[in-house]
Amino acid sequence: MSEDRRDSGPRGRSDRGGSSDRPRRRFGGGGGGGGGGRYYPRRKVCNFCMDQIEDIDYKDIGRLRRYVSDRGKIEPRRQTGTCAKHQRALAVAIKRARHIALVSFAQ
């Protein structure tokens, strides 16, 4: 049996050069920033804390609509950047506004 076949790896792939102890990157060459560490997005700040709003008014429909999705769901903290204290108050205000039909349950 004289085959002119190169020595293939464990899955039948031929050795394409490079160092075999390091895995190849699958998608693209990376991006900016270098380092290759984990991506940490910029910390979002609470708009209510920035504007120094103590209590969230359920009648302020314009402000409440920013925190409700197009399907009528209350947006989570990780998406809006609202602090825990204001997220709880915001949820209560949205529910009150829904109850008296200022904000719809589903849009």
N, C-alpha and C. Protein backbone atom coordinates (compact mmCIF):
# COMPACT_ATOMS: atom_id res chain seq x y z
N MET A 1 0.84 -1.18 0.00
CA MET A 1 0.00 0.00 0.00
C MET A 1 0.87 1.24 0.00
N SER A 2 0.99 1.82 -1.12
CA SER A 2 1.81 3.03 -1.20
C SER A 2 0.92 4.21 -1.56
N GLU A 3 0.51 4.93 -0.54
CA GLU A 3 -0.34 6.10 -0.76
C GLU A 3 0.48 7.35 -0.54
N ASP A 4 0.27 8.36 -1.37
CA ASP A 4 0.97 9.63 -1.22
C ASP A 4 0.11 10.59 -0.39
N ARG A 5 -0.25 10.16 0.75
CA ARG A 5 -1.11 10.95 1.61
C ARG A 5 -0.28 11.49 2.78
N ARG A 6 -0.49 12.76 3.10
CA ARG A 6 0.22 13.33 4.25
C ARG A 6 -0.36 12.78 5.54
N ASP A 7 0.42 12.89 6.58
CA ASP A 7 -0.06 12.45 7.89
C ASP A 7 -1.17 13.39 8.33
N SER A 8 -2.33 12.86 8.49
CA SER A 8 -3.45 13.71 8.89
C SER A 8 -3.65 13.63 10.39
N GLY A 9 -4.26 14.68 10.91
CA GLY A 9 -4.46 14.80 12.35
C GLY A 9 -5.52 13.85 12.85
N PRO A 10 -5.99 14.06 14.06
CA PRO A 10 -6.95 13.15 14.67
C PRO A 10 -8.29 13.12 13.96
N ARG A 11 -8.66 14.18 13.24
CA ARG A 11 -9.94 14.19 12.56
C ARG A 11 -9.78 14.17 11.04
N GLY A 12 -8.66 13.78 10.57
CA GLY A 12 -8.47 13.70 9.14
C GLY A 12 -8.05 15.00 8.49
N ARG A 13 -7.74 16.01 9.29
CA ARG A 13 -7.30 17.29 8.73
C ARG A 13 -5.80 17.24 8.53
N SER A 14 -5.34 17.86 7.50
CA SER A 14 -3.90 17.92 7.30
C SER A 14 -3.33 19.07 8.13
N ASP A 15 -2.09 18.94 8.52
CA ASP A 15 -1.44 19.98 9.30
C ASP A 15 -1.20 21.19 8.41
N ARG A 16 -1.77 22.33 8.78
CA ARG A 16 -1.68 23.51 7.94
C ARG A 16 -0.58 24.46 8.39
N GLY A 17 0.27 24.04 9.21
CA GLY A 17 1.35 24.91 9.68
C GLY A 17 0.94 25.65 10.94
N GLY A 18 1.85 26.45 11.44
CA GLY A 18 1.56 27.18 12.68
C GLY A 18 1.83 26.30 13.88
N SER A 19 1.67 26.87 15.04
CA SER A 19 1.92 26.08 16.25
C SER A 19 0.69 25.25 16.57
N SER A 20 0.91 24.00 16.84
CA SER A 20 -0.21 23.10 17.07
C SER A 20 -0.70 23.14 18.51
N ASP A 21 0.07 23.76 19.42
CA ASP A 21 -0.36 23.79 20.82
C ASP A 21 -1.37 24.91 21.09
N ARG A 22 -1.54 25.83 20.14
CA ARG A 22 -2.49 26.93 20.31
C ARG A 22 -3.65 26.77 19.35
N PRO A 23 -4.91 26.88 19.82
CA PRO A 23 -6.05 26.74 18.90
C PRO A 23 -6.16 27.94 17.96
N ARG A 24 -6.61 27.66 16.74
CA ARG A 24 -6.80 28.73 15.77
C ARG A 24 -8.03 29.55 16.12
N ARG A 25 -8.01 30.83 15.74
CA ARG A 25 -9.20 31.65 15.91
C ARG A 25 -10.19 31.30 14.83
N ARG A 26 -11.42 31.24 15.21
CA ARG A 26 -12.43 30.80 14.26
C ARG A 26 -12.99 31.95 13.44
N PHE A 27 -13.31 33.08 14.07
CA PHE A 27 -13.96 34.18 13.38
C PHE A 27 -13.10 35.43 13.46
N GLY A 28 -12.63 35.92 12.34
CA GLY A 28 -11.95 37.20 12.27
C GLY A 28 -10.65 37.24 13.03
N GLY A 29 -10.04 38.35 13.02
CA GLY A 29 -8.76 38.50 13.67
C GLY A 29 -8.86 39.27 14.98
N GLY A 30 -10.01 39.34 15.55
CA GLY A 30 -10.15 40.11 16.77
C GLY A 30 -10.73 41.47 16.45
N GLY A 31 -10.47 42.41 17.25
CA GLY A 31 -10.97 43.76 17.01
C GLY A 31 -10.06 44.73 17.68
N GLY A 32 -10.56 45.86 17.98
CA GLY A 32 -9.74 46.85 18.66
C GLY A 32 -9.56 46.48 20.12
N GLY A 33 -8.70 47.18 20.76
CA GLY A 33 -8.53 46.97 22.20
C GLY A 33 -7.44 46.00 22.56
N GLY A 34 -7.22 44.99 21.75
CA GLY A 34 -6.18 44.02 22.05
C GLY A 34 -6.44 43.30 23.36
N GLY A 35 -5.49 42.58 23.83
CA GLY A 35 -5.61 41.93 25.12
C GLY A 35 -6.31 40.59 25.05
N GLY A 36 -7.39 40.49 24.33
CA GLY A 36 -8.10 39.23 24.20
C GLY A 36 -8.84 38.81 25.45
N GLY A 37 -9.04 39.73 26.40
CA GLY A 37 -9.77 39.39 27.61
C GLY A 37 -11.27 39.49 27.41
N ARG A 38 -11.99 39.39 28.50
CA ARG A 38 -13.44 39.47 28.45
C ARG A 38 -13.89 40.90 28.16
N TYR A 39 -14.99 41.05 27.41
CA TYR A 39 -15.54 42.37 27.07
C TYR A 39 -16.43 42.85 28.20
N TYR A 40 -16.12 44.01 28.74
CA TYR A 40 -16.94 44.61 29.77
C TYR A 40 -17.55 45.89 29.21
N PRO A 41 -18.87 45.93 29.02
CA PRO A 41 -19.47 47.14 28.47
C PRO A 41 -19.40 48.29 29.48
N ARG A 42 -19.55 49.49 28.96
CA ARG A 42 -19.50 50.67 29.82
C ARG A 42 -20.66 50.64 30.80
N ARG A 43 -20.38 50.97 32.02
CA ARG A 43 -21.38 50.93 33.08
C ARG A 43 -22.48 51.94 32.80
N LYS A 44 -23.74 51.49 32.84
CA LYS A 44 -24.87 52.39 32.63
C LYS A 44 -25.21 53.05 33.95
N VAL A 45 -25.68 54.27 33.87
CA VAL A 45 -26.03 54.99 35.09
C VAL A 45 -27.54 55.17 35.13
N CYS A 46 -28.05 55.26 36.33
CA CYS A 46 -29.49 55.42 36.55
C CYS A 46 -29.90 56.86 36.20
N ASN A 47 -30.85 56.99 35.29
CA ASN A 47 -31.33 58.32 34.90
C ASN A 47 -32.06 59.01 36.03
N PHE A 48 -32.72 58.25 36.89
CA PHE A 48 -33.45 58.84 38.01
C PHE A 48 -32.48 59.40 39.05
N CYS A 49 -31.36 58.71 39.26
CA CYS A 49 -30.34 59.21 40.18
C CYS A 49 -29.65 60.45 39.60
N MET A 50 -29.40 60.45 38.29
CA MET A 50 -28.76 61.59 37.65
C MET A 50 -29.64 62.84 37.73
N ASP A 51 -30.94 62.65 37.52
CA ASP A 51 -31.88 63.78 37.56
C ASP A 51 -32.35 64.09 38.98
N GLN A 52 -31.86 63.34 39.96
CA GLN A 52 -32.19 63.50 41.38
C GLN A 52 -33.69 63.44 41.61
N ILE A 53 -34.32 62.43 41.01
CA ILE A 53 -35.76 62.21 41.19
C ILE A 53 -35.95 61.28 42.38
N GLU A 54 -36.64 61.75 43.39
CA GLU A 54 -36.86 60.96 44.61
C GLU A 54 -37.93 59.89 44.39
N ASP A 55 -39.11 60.34 43.94
CA ASP A 55 -40.20 59.39 43.72
C ASP A 55 -40.66 59.48 42.27
N ILE A 56 -40.96 58.34 41.70
CA ILE A 56 -41.35 58.26 40.29
C ILE A 56 -42.86 58.42 40.22
N ASP A 57 -43.29 59.41 39.44
CA ASP A 57 -44.71 59.71 39.32
C ASP A 57 -45.34 58.82 38.25
N TYR A 58 -46.42 58.15 38.59
CA TYR A 58 -47.08 57.26 37.64
C TYR A 58 -47.80 58.04 36.55
N LYS A 59 -48.00 59.37 36.75
CA LYS A 59 -48.68 60.19 35.74
C LYS A 59 -47.72 60.73 34.69
N ASP A 60 -46.41 60.54 34.89
CA ASP A 60 -45.40 61.00 33.94
C ASP A 60 -45.23 59.94 32.84
N ILE A 61 -46.17 59.96 31.88
CA ILE A 61 -46.25 58.90 30.88
C ILE A 61 -45.03 58.90 29.96
N GLY A 62 -44.54 60.06 29.62
CA GLY A 62 -43.39 60.14 28.72
C GLY A 62 -42.17 59.44 29.29
N ARG A 63 -41.93 59.63 30.57
CA ARG A 63 -40.79 58.97 31.21
C ARG A 63 -41.02 57.47 31.36
N LEU A 64 -42.24 57.07 31.67
CA LEU A 64 -42.54 55.65 31.87
C LEU A 64 -42.44 54.85 30.58
N ARG A 65 -42.82 55.45 29.47
CA ARG A 65 -42.81 54.72 28.19
C ARG A 65 -41.42 54.32 27.75
N ARG A 66 -40.40 55.05 28.21
CA ARG A 66 -39.02 54.69 27.87
C ARG A 66 -38.61 53.37 28.49
N TYR A 67 -39.30 52.98 29.55
CA TYR A 67 -38.94 51.76 30.27
C TYR A 67 -39.90 50.61 30.01
N VAL A 68 -40.76 50.76 28.98
CA VAL A 68 -41.69 49.71 28.58
C VAL A 68 -41.37 49.34 27.15
N SER A 69 -41.25 48.03 26.85
CA SER A 69 -40.91 47.59 25.50
C SER A 69 -42.11 47.77 24.57
N ASP A 70 -41.90 47.54 23.30
CA ASP A 70 -42.99 47.67 22.33
C ASP A 70 -44.05 46.59 22.52
N ARG A 71 -43.69 45.53 23.22
CA ARG A 71 -44.67 44.48 23.53
C ARG A 71 -45.38 44.72 24.86
N GLY A 72 -45.02 45.80 25.54
CA GLY A 72 -45.69 46.15 26.79
C GLY A 72 -45.01 45.62 28.03
N LYS A 73 -43.81 45.05 27.90
CA LYS A 73 -43.10 44.50 29.06
C LYS A 73 -42.21 45.56 29.69
N ILE A 74 -42.02 45.47 30.98
CA ILE A 74 -41.11 46.38 31.69
C ILE A 74 -39.68 45.94 31.38
N GLU A 75 -38.86 46.88 30.92
CA GLU A 75 -37.48 46.57 30.55
C GLU A 75 -36.67 46.24 31.81
N PRO A 76 -35.75 45.27 31.72
CA PRO A 76 -34.95 44.89 32.89
C PRO A 76 -33.86 45.91 33.21
N ARG A 77 -33.34 45.84 34.41
CA ARG A 77 -32.29 46.75 34.88
C ARG A 77 -31.04 46.68 34.03
N ARG A 78 -30.66 45.47 33.64
CA ARG A 78 -29.42 45.30 32.88
C ARG A 78 -29.50 45.98 31.52
N GLN A 79 -30.71 46.23 31.04
CA GLN A 79 -30.89 46.86 29.74
C GLN A 79 -31.00 48.38 29.87
N THR A 80 -31.64 48.86 30.92
CA THR A 80 -31.87 50.29 31.06
C THR A 80 -30.82 50.99 31.91
N GLY A 81 -30.16 50.24 32.80
CA GLY A 81 -29.16 50.85 33.67
C GLY A 81 -29.74 51.47 34.92
N THR A 82 -31.00 51.24 35.18
CA THR A 82 -31.65 51.78 36.37
C THR A 82 -31.16 51.07 37.62
N CYS A 83 -30.98 51.80 38.71
CA CYS A 83 -30.53 51.18 39.97
C CYS A 83 -31.70 50.38 40.57
N ALA A 84 -31.39 49.51 41.51
CA ALA A 84 -32.38 48.60 42.08
C ALA A 84 -33.52 49.35 42.76
N LYS A 85 -33.17 50.40 43.49
CA LYS A 85 -34.18 51.19 44.22
C LYS A 85 -35.19 51.81 43.25
N HIS A 86 -34.67 52.42 42.18
CA HIS A 86 -35.56 53.07 41.23
C HIS A 86 -36.27 52.06 40.32
N GLN A 87 -35.67 50.90 40.08
CA GLN A 87 -36.33 49.88 39.26
C GLN A 87 -37.58 49.37 39.97
N ARG A 88 -37.49 49.19 41.28
CA ARG A 88 -38.67 48.75 42.04
C ARG A 88 -39.76 49.80 42.00
N ALA A 89 -39.38 51.06 42.20
CA ALA A 89 -40.36 52.16 42.17
C ALA A 89 -40.94 52.32 40.76
N LEU A 90 -40.11 52.12 39.75
CA LEU A 90 -40.55 52.23 38.37
C LEU A 90 -41.58 51.16 38.04
N ALA A 91 -41.35 49.95 38.50
CA ALA A 91 -42.29 48.85 38.25
C ALA A 91 -43.65 49.15 38.88
N VAL A 92 -43.63 49.69 40.09
CA VAL A 92 -44.89 50.05 40.77
C VAL A 92 -45.60 51.16 40.01
N ALA A 93 -44.85 52.17 39.56
CA ALA A 93 -45.45 53.29 38.83
C ALA A 93 -46.04 52.83 37.50
N ILE A 94 -45.35 51.94 36.79
CA ILE A 94 -45.87 51.43 35.52
C ILE A 94 -47.14 50.62 35.75
N LYS A 95 -47.15 49.82 36.79
CA LYS A 95 -48.34 49.02 37.09
C LYS A 95 -49.52 49.91 37.48
N ARG A 96 -49.26 50.98 38.22
CA ARG A 96 -50.33 51.92 38.57
C ARG A 96 -50.86 52.62 37.33
N ALA A 97 -49.96 53.03 36.44
CA ALA A 97 -50.36 53.71 35.21
C ALA A 97 -51.15 52.76 34.30
N ARG A 98 -50.79 51.50 34.29
CA ARG A 98 -51.55 50.52 33.51
C ARG A 98 -52.95 50.35 34.07
N HIS A 99 -53.02 50.33 35.39
CA HIS A 99 -54.31 50.07 36.06
C HIS A 99 -55.33 51.17 35.76
N ILE A 100 -54.89 52.41 35.64
CA ILE A 100 -55.84 53.49 35.33
C ILE A 100 -55.75 53.88 33.84
N ALA A 101 -55.17 53.00 33.03
CA ALA A 101 -55.16 53.11 31.57
C ALA A 101 -54.37 54.30 31.03
N LEU A 102 -53.32 54.73 31.73
CA LEU A 102 -52.44 55.75 31.18
C LEU A 102 -51.42 55.11 30.25
N VAL A 103 -50.99 53.89 30.60
CA VAL A 103 -50.07 53.11 29.79
C VAL A 103 -50.77 51.80 29.47
N SER A 104 -50.68 51.38 28.22
CA SER A 104 -51.38 50.15 27.83
C SER A 104 -50.62 48.91 28.31
N PHE A 105 -51.34 47.82 28.48
CA PHE A 105 -50.72 46.56 28.89
C PHE A 105 -49.90 45.98 27.75
N ALA A 106 -50.42 46.09 26.54
CA ALA A 106 -49.68 45.63 25.35
C ALA A 106 -49.92 46.63 24.23
N GLN A 107 -48.86 46.89 23.46
CA GLN A 107 -49.01 47.90 22.43
C GLN A 107 -49.06 47.28 21.12
